[in-house]
Amino acid sequence: MNLTDKPLAAPGLISYRCKGRFGWVMIGAKDREDALKEARRSSDFVKTETLEVWDGEKYRYPPNH
């Protein structure tokens, strides 16, 4: 499993990832809006439709459809 396929958020936060210009931006955030705000701090290429949230039951980031 690649590092970008794992949850990386600190305890108490939710793991998100968002596709940036050069790859995945890994995020620990309180909610979806917070995750997008944090992703935009790292990349000017962030799109809402590429934001994915960790699914702890399936142990993966399911595509955001």
Protein backbone atom coordinates (compact mmCIF):
# COMPACT_ATOMS: atom_id res chain seq x y z
CA MET A 1 0.00 0.00 0.00
CA ASN A 2 1.35 3.44 -0.96
CA LEU A 3 1.68 6.11 1.70
CA THR A 4 -1.02 8.15 -0.06
CA ASP A 5 -3.42 5.20 0.28
CA LYS A 6 -3.28 5.32 4.08
CA PRO A 7 -4.99 7.58 6.62
CA LEU A 8 -2.45 10.14 7.84
CA ALA A 9 -4.50 12.50 10.02
CA ALA A 10 -3.54 13.12 13.63
CA PRO A 11 -5.85 11.65 16.29
CA GLY A 12 -9.08 13.62 16.51
CA LEU A 13 -9.06 14.63 12.83
CA ILE A 14 -10.51 12.96 9.74
CA SER A 15 -8.16 11.81 6.96
CA TYR A 16 -8.75 13.34 3.55
CA ARG A 17 -6.76 13.50 0.37
CA CYS A 18 -7.20 15.76 -2.62
CA LYS A 19 -5.60 15.57 -6.05
CA GLY A 20 -3.19 18.44 -6.55
CA ARG A 21 -1.11 19.48 -9.53
CA PHE A 22 1.78 17.18 -8.58
CA GLY A 23 -0.03 14.36 -6.77
CA TRP A 24 -2.11 13.81 -3.66
CA VAL A 25 -2.35 16.43 -0.92
CA MET A 26 -2.83 14.57 2.37
CA ILE A 27 -5.01 16.38 4.90
CA GLY A 28 -6.19 16.02 8.47
CA ALA A 29 -9.30 18.13 9.01
CA LYS A 30 -12.45 18.55 11.09
CA ASP A 31 -14.83 18.37 8.13
CA ARG A 32 -15.06 18.64 4.33
CA GLU A 33 -14.90 22.46 4.24
CA ASP A 34 -11.87 22.49 6.52
CA ALA A 35 -10.19 19.86 4.32
CA LEU A 36 -10.71 21.96 1.17
CA LYS A 37 -9.34 25.04 2.93
CA GLU A 38 -6.24 23.14 4.00
CA ALA A 39 -5.77 21.61 0.54
CA ARG A 40 -5.87 25.06 -1.06
CA ARG A 41 -3.01 26.12 1.20
CA SER A 42 -0.85 23.45 -0.49
CA SER A 43 -1.99 23.65 -4.10
CA ASP A 44 -3.70 26.08 -6.46
CA PHE A 45 -4.99 23.12 -8.48
CA VAL A 46 -7.47 21.76 -5.89
CA LYS A 47 -10.91 20.75 -7.12
CA THR A 48 -13.82 19.83 -4.86
CA GLU A 49 -14.64 16.75 -6.91
CA THR A 50 -11.21 15.20 -6.25
CA LEU A 51 -11.51 15.40 -2.44
CA GLU A 52 -11.69 11.92 -0.90
CA VAL A 53 -12.35 10.93 2.71
CA TRP A 54 -10.92 7.83 4.41
CA ASP A 55 -13.43 5.00 4.86
CA GLY A 56 -12.30 3.17 7.99
CA GLU A 57 -14.70 0.26 7.41
CA LYS A 58 -13.35 -0.52 3.93
CA TYR A 59 -9.77 0.67 4.67
CA ARG A 60 -9.55 2.85 1.58
CA TYR A 61 -10.27 6.25 0.06
CA PRO A 62 -13.32 5.59 -2.11
CA PRO A 63 -13.62 7.84 -5.17
CA ASN A 64 -15.83 10.87 -4.63
CA HIS A 65 -18.75 10.20 -6.97
